[in-house]
Amino acid sequence: MKKFKILVGVGLIAALLTGALALYAGVAAVRHLAKLGNDLPVAQHAQALKSTVESLPNIAKTECLGTAQGLLNLDKLLSTPLKESLQNLSQACLGETPHHESEII
């Protein structure tokens, strides 16, 4: 019985130390992230990334997604020429007009 009490006591102490260490690590991580967020270079990089993302073309149109999903259909992909499929995808996603054969060099 005495060995069991010692084992339970050591287990409780280990659990308390583990909990305290996890709490300390959590607080340290939050402090580090708060300090990192207030850094000027990080804020500048975030603003630059935001402006870059806003300037990207909008490719998430429904026509684009429908055309891309349609190309995943093997029967449709094999029945139409690859060049025509890619032109349709380009037109749907990027809004490009199809090029005529005479324009291609």
N, C-alpha and C. Protein backbone atom coordinates (compact mmCIF):
# COMPACT_ATOMS: atom_id res chain seq x y z
N MET A 1 0.82 -1.19 0.00
CA MET A 1 0.00 0.00 0.00
C MET A 1 0.87 1.26 0.00
N LYS A 2 2.00 1.18 0.67
CA LYS A 2 2.89 2.33 0.75
C LYS A 2 3.47 2.64 -0.63
N LYS A 3 3.81 1.61 -1.41
CA LYS A 3 4.36 1.82 -2.74
C LYS A 3 3.30 2.45 -3.66
N PHE A 4 2.06 2.05 -3.47
CA PHE A 4 0.97 2.61 -4.27
C PHE A 4 0.79 4.11 -3.99
N LYS A 5 0.88 4.50 -2.72
CA LYS A 5 0.76 5.92 -2.35
C LYS A 5 1.91 6.73 -2.94
N ILE A 6 3.09 6.15 -2.91
CA ILE A 6 4.25 6.83 -3.50
C ILE A 6 4.06 6.99 -5.00
N LEU A 7 3.57 5.95 -5.65
CA LEU A 7 3.33 5.99 -7.09
C LEU A 7 2.28 7.04 -7.44
N VAL A 8 1.20 7.10 -6.68
CA VAL A 8 0.15 8.10 -6.93
C VAL A 8 0.70 9.50 -6.69
N GLY A 9 1.50 9.69 -5.64
CA GLY A 9 2.09 11.00 -5.34
C GLY A 9 3.02 11.47 -6.45
N VAL A 10 3.86 10.57 -6.94
CA VAL A 10 4.77 10.91 -8.03
C VAL A 10 3.98 11.23 -9.30
N GLY A 11 2.90 10.46 -9.53
CA GLY A 11 2.06 10.71 -10.70
C GLY A 11 1.39 12.07 -10.63
N LEU A 12 0.90 12.45 -9.45
CA LEU A 12 0.26 13.77 -9.29
C LEU A 12 1.26 14.90 -9.48
N ILE A 13 2.45 14.73 -8.95
CA ILE A 13 3.49 15.75 -9.12
C ILE A 13 3.87 15.88 -10.59
N ALA A 14 3.99 14.74 -11.28
CA ALA A 14 4.32 14.77 -12.71
C ALA A 14 3.20 15.44 -13.51
N ALA A 15 1.95 15.16 -13.16
CA ALA A 15 0.82 15.79 -13.85
C ALA A 15 0.81 17.30 -13.60
N LEU A 16 1.08 17.73 -12.39
CA LEU A 16 1.14 19.17 -12.08
C LEU A 16 2.27 19.86 -12.84
N LEU A 17 3.43 19.22 -12.88
CA LEU A 17 4.56 19.81 -13.61
C LEU A 17 4.26 19.87 -15.11
N THR A 18 3.65 18.83 -15.65
CA THR A 18 3.32 18.82 -17.07
C THR A 18 2.29 19.92 -17.38
N GLY A 19 1.29 20.07 -16.53
CA GLY A 19 0.28 21.11 -16.73
C GLY A 19 0.88 22.50 -16.65
N ALA A 20 1.77 22.71 -15.68
CA ALA A 20 2.42 24.01 -15.54
C ALA A 20 3.30 24.31 -16.75
N LEU A 21 3.99 23.31 -17.25
CA LEU A 21 4.84 23.50 -18.43
C LEU A 21 4.00 23.82 -19.66
N ALA A 22 2.86 23.13 -19.83
CA ALA A 22 1.98 23.40 -20.96
C ALA A 22 1.40 24.81 -20.86
N LEU A 23 1.02 25.22 -19.66
CA LEU A 23 0.49 26.58 -19.47
C LEU A 23 1.56 27.62 -19.77
N TYR A 24 2.78 27.40 -19.31
CA TYR A 24 3.87 28.33 -19.58
C TYR A 24 4.15 28.42 -21.08
N ALA A 25 4.16 27.27 -21.76
CA ALA A 25 4.41 27.27 -23.21
C ALA A 25 3.30 28.01 -23.95
N GLY A 26 2.06 27.85 -23.53
CA GLY A 26 0.95 28.56 -24.17
C GLY A 26 1.05 30.06 -24.00
N VAL A 27 1.37 30.50 -22.79
CA VAL A 27 1.52 31.94 -22.53
C VAL A 27 2.70 32.51 -23.31
N ALA A 28 3.80 31.78 -23.35
CA ALA A 28 4.97 32.24 -24.11
C ALA A 28 4.65 32.34 -25.60
N ALA A 29 3.89 31.38 -26.12
CA ALA A 29 3.54 31.41 -27.54
C ALA A 29 2.64 32.60 -27.85
N VAL A 30 1.67 32.87 -26.98
CA VAL A 30 0.77 34.02 -27.20
C VAL A 30 1.55 35.32 -27.13
N ARG A 31 2.46 35.44 -26.19
CA ARG A 31 3.27 36.66 -26.09
C ARG A 31 4.13 36.84 -27.34
N HIS A 32 4.71 35.75 -27.82
CA HIS A 32 5.56 35.82 -29.01
C HIS A 32 4.73 36.25 -30.23
N LEU A 33 3.54 35.69 -30.39
CA LEU A 33 2.70 36.06 -31.52
C LEU A 33 2.23 37.50 -31.41
N ALA A 34 1.94 37.96 -30.22
CA ALA A 34 1.53 39.35 -30.04
C ALA A 34 2.68 40.30 -30.39
N LYS A 35 3.88 39.94 -29.98
CA LYS A 35 5.05 40.76 -30.29
C LYS A 35 5.33 40.73 -31.79
N LEU A 36 5.17 39.57 -32.41
CA LEU A 36 5.41 39.43 -33.84
C LEU A 36 4.40 40.23 -34.65
N GLY A 37 3.14 40.26 -34.20
CA GLY A 37 2.11 41.00 -34.91
C GLY A 37 2.31 42.50 -34.86
N ASN A 38 2.97 43.00 -33.84
CA ASN A 38 3.21 44.44 -33.71
C ASN A 38 4.47 44.88 -34.44
N ASP A 39 5.24 43.94 -34.95
CA ASP A 39 6.44 44.28 -35.69
C ASP A 39 6.07 45.02 -36.98
N LEU A 40 6.76 46.08 -37.30
CA LEU A 40 6.46 46.87 -38.48
C LEU A 40 6.69 46.11 -39.78
N PRO A 41 7.80 45.37 -39.96
CA PRO A 41 7.99 44.65 -41.22
C PRO A 41 6.88 43.62 -41.49
N VAL A 42 6.39 42.98 -40.45
CA VAL A 42 5.32 41.99 -40.64
C VAL A 42 4.06 42.69 -41.12
N ALA A 43 3.74 43.83 -40.54
CA ALA A 43 2.56 44.57 -40.96
C ALA A 43 2.70 45.05 -42.41
N GLN A 44 3.89 45.48 -42.77
CA GLN A 44 4.12 45.93 -44.14
C GLN A 44 3.99 44.77 -45.12
N HIS A 45 4.51 43.61 -44.75
CA HIS A 45 4.40 42.43 -45.63
C HIS A 45 2.94 42.01 -45.77
N ALA A 46 2.19 42.08 -44.68
CA ALA A 46 0.78 41.71 -44.75
C ALA A 46 0.01 42.67 -45.65
N GLN A 47 0.30 43.96 -45.56
CA GLN A 47 -0.37 44.94 -46.41
C GLN A 47 0.01 44.74 -47.88
N ALA A 48 1.28 44.45 -48.14
CA ALA A 48 1.72 44.21 -49.51
C ALA A 48 1.06 42.95 -50.08
N LEU A 49 0.94 41.92 -49.25
CA LEU A 49 0.29 40.70 -49.70
C LEU A 49 -1.18 40.94 -49.99
N LYS A 50 -1.82 41.74 -49.16
CA LYS A 50 -3.24 42.04 -49.37
C LYS A 50 -3.44 42.79 -50.68
N SER A 51 -2.59 43.77 -50.97
CA SER A 51 -2.73 44.52 -52.21
C SER A 51 -2.41 43.64 -53.42
N THR A 52 -1.48 42.70 -53.27
CA THR A 52 -1.15 41.80 -54.36
C THR A 52 -2.32 40.86 -54.66
N VAL A 53 -2.94 40.35 -53.62
CA VAL A 53 -4.07 39.44 -53.80
C VAL A 53 -5.24 40.17 -54.44
N GLU A 54 -5.47 41.42 -54.06
CA GLU A 54 -6.57 42.19 -54.64
C GLU A 54 -6.33 42.49 -56.11
N SER A 55 -5.08 42.58 -56.54
CA SER A 55 -4.79 42.90 -57.93
C SER A 55 -4.78 41.68 -58.84
N LEU A 56 -4.86 40.48 -58.29
CA LEU A 56 -4.88 39.27 -59.11
C LEU A 56 -6.20 39.18 -59.87
N PRO A 57 -6.18 38.58 -61.06
CA PRO A 57 -7.44 38.45 -61.80
C PRO A 57 -8.38 37.48 -61.09
N ASN A 58 -9.65 37.73 -61.24
CA ASN A 58 -10.66 36.90 -60.60
C ASN A 58 -10.86 35.64 -61.43
N ILE A 59 -10.28 34.53 -60.98
CA ILE A 59 -10.38 33.29 -61.75
C ILE A 59 -11.40 32.32 -61.14
N ALA A 60 -12.06 32.73 -60.08
CA ALA A 60 -13.00 31.83 -59.42
C ALA A 60 -14.43 32.06 -59.92
N LYS A 61 -14.58 32.28 -61.20
CA LYS A 61 -15.90 32.47 -61.76
C LYS A 61 -16.57 31.12 -61.91
N THR A 62 -17.89 31.13 -61.97
CA THR A 62 -18.60 29.86 -62.08
C THR A 62 -18.36 29.23 -63.44
N GLU A 63 -18.22 30.03 -64.49
CA GLU A 63 -17.95 29.46 -65.80
C GLU A 63 -16.60 28.75 -65.80
N CYS A 64 -15.65 29.35 -65.11
CA CYS A 64 -14.31 28.78 -65.05
C CYS A 64 -14.34 27.44 -64.34
N LEU A 65 -15.01 27.39 -63.19
CA LEU A 65 -15.07 26.15 -62.44
C LEU A 65 -15.84 25.08 -63.20
N GLY A 66 -16.92 25.49 -63.87
CA GLY A 66 -17.69 24.52 -64.66
C GLY A 66 -16.88 23.97 -65.81
N THR A 67 -16.12 24.84 -66.48
CA THR A 67 -15.30 24.39 -67.60
C THR A 67 -14.19 23.47 -67.11
N ALA A 68 -13.57 23.82 -66.00
CA ALA A 68 -12.50 22.98 -65.46
C ALA A 68 -13.05 21.62 -65.03
N GLN A 69 -14.22 21.60 -64.41
CA GLN A 69 -14.80 20.32 -64.02
C GLN A 69 -15.21 19.52 -65.26
N GLY A 70 -15.66 20.23 -66.29
CA GLY A 70 -16.02 19.54 -67.52
C GLY A 70 -14.82 18.88 -68.17
N LEU A 71 -13.63 19.47 -68.03
CA LEU A 71 -12.42 18.88 -68.61
C LEU A 71 -12.00 17.62 -67.86
N LEU A 72 -12.50 17.46 -66.64
CA LEU A 72 -12.18 16.25 -65.89
C LEU A 72 -12.95 15.04 -66.40
N ASN A 73 -14.00 15.28 -67.17
CA ASN A 73 -14.77 14.20 -67.77
C ASN A 73 -13.94 13.61 -68.91
N LEU A 74 -13.58 12.36 -68.80
CA LEU A 74 -12.67 11.73 -69.74
C LEU A 74 -13.27 11.64 -71.14
N ASP A 75 -14.56 11.33 -71.23
CA ASP A 75 -15.19 11.22 -72.55
C ASP A 75 -15.15 12.55 -73.29
N LYS A 76 -15.47 13.63 -72.58
CA LYS A 76 -15.47 14.95 -73.21
C LYS A 76 -14.05 15.37 -73.57
N LEU A 77 -13.11 15.04 -72.72
CA LEU A 77 -11.72 15.41 -72.98
C LEU A 77 -11.18 14.69 -74.22
N LEU A 78 -11.56 13.44 -74.40
CA LEU A 78 -11.08 12.69 -75.55
C LEU A 78 -11.82 13.04 -76.83
N SER A 79 -13.06 13.54 -76.70
CA SER A 79 -13.84 13.84 -77.90
C SER A 79 -13.50 15.20 -78.51
N THR A 80 -12.99 16.13 -77.71
CA THR A 80 -12.64 17.45 -78.25
C THR A 80 -11.12 17.57 -78.30
N PRO A 81 -10.62 18.33 -79.27
CA PRO A 81 -9.17 18.54 -79.33
C PRO A 81 -8.65 19.28 -78.10
N LEU A 82 -7.44 18.98 -77.71
CA LEU A 82 -6.85 19.59 -76.53
C LEU A 82 -6.74 21.10 -76.68
N LYS A 83 -6.39 21.56 -77.87
CA LYS A 83 -6.24 23.00 -78.11
C LYS A 83 -7.57 23.72 -77.88
N GLU A 84 -8.66 23.13 -78.36
CA GLU A 84 -9.98 23.74 -78.18
C GLU A 84 -10.38 23.74 -76.71
N SER A 85 -10.07 22.66 -75.99
CA SER A 85 -10.39 22.59 -74.57
C SER A 85 -9.64 23.65 -73.78
N LEU A 86 -8.36 23.82 -74.08
CA LEU A 86 -7.56 24.83 -73.38
C LEU A 86 -8.02 26.25 -73.72
N GLN A 87 -8.43 26.47 -74.97
CA GLN A 87 -8.95 27.79 -75.34
C GLN A 87 -10.25 28.08 -74.61
N ASN A 88 -11.12 27.08 -74.50
CA ASN A 88 -12.38 27.26 -73.76
C ASN A 88 -12.11 27.56 -72.30
N LEU A 89 -11.15 26.86 -71.71
CA LEU A 89 -10.80 27.10 -70.31
C LEU A 89 -10.21 28.49 -70.13
N SER A 90 -9.34 28.90 -71.04
CA SER A 90 -8.74 30.23 -70.98
C SER A 90 -9.79 31.31 -71.12
N GLN A 91 -10.71 31.10 -72.02
CA GLN A 91 -11.77 32.10 -72.23
C GLN A 91 -12.68 32.19 -71.01
N ALA A 92 -13.01 31.06 -70.41
CA ALA A 92 -13.92 31.06 -69.26
C ALA A 92 -13.26 31.64 -68.01
N CYS A 93 -12.00 31.34 -67.80
CA CYS A 93 -11.34 31.76 -66.56
C CYS A 93 -10.74 33.17 -66.64
N LEU A 94 -10.12 33.47 -67.74
CA LEU A 94 -9.40 34.74 -67.84
C LEU A 94 -10.10 35.75 -68.71
N GLY A 95 -11.17 35.36 -69.36
CA GLY A 95 -11.93 36.27 -70.21
C GLY A 95 -11.21 36.61 -71.50
N GLU A 96 -10.26 35.79 -71.90
CA GLU A 96 -9.52 36.05 -73.13
C GLU A 96 -10.38 35.67 -74.33
N THR A 97 -10.22 36.40 -75.40
CA THR A 97 -10.93 36.06 -76.62
C THR A 97 -10.14 34.99 -77.36
N PRO A 98 -10.82 34.07 -78.01
CA PRO A 98 -10.08 33.01 -78.72
C PRO A 98 -9.31 33.59 -79.91
N HIS A 99 -8.12 33.08 -80.12
CA HIS A 99 -7.28 33.53 -81.23
C HIS A 99 -7.64 32.73 -82.47
N HIS A 100 -7.61 33.40 -83.61
CA HIS A 100 -7.85 32.72 -84.87
C HIS A 100 -6.56 32.11 -85.35
N GLU A 101 -6.67 31.12 -86.23
CA GLU A 101 -5.48 30.43 -86.74
C GLU A 101 -4.55 31.39 -87.47
N SER A 102 -5.10 32.43 -88.11
CA SER A 102 -4.26 33.35 -88.86
C SER A 102 -3.43 34.24 -87.95
N GLU A 103 -3.87 34.42 -86.69
CA GLU A 103 -3.13 35.27 -85.76
C GLU A 103 -1.97 34.55 -85.12
N ILE A 104 -2.02 33.23 -85.11
CA ILE A 104 -0.95 32.45 -84.47
C ILE A 104 0.20 32.29 -85.44
N ILE A 105 1.39 32.63 -84.97
CA ILE A 105 2.58 32.55 -85.83
C ILE A 105 3.29 31.25 -85.57
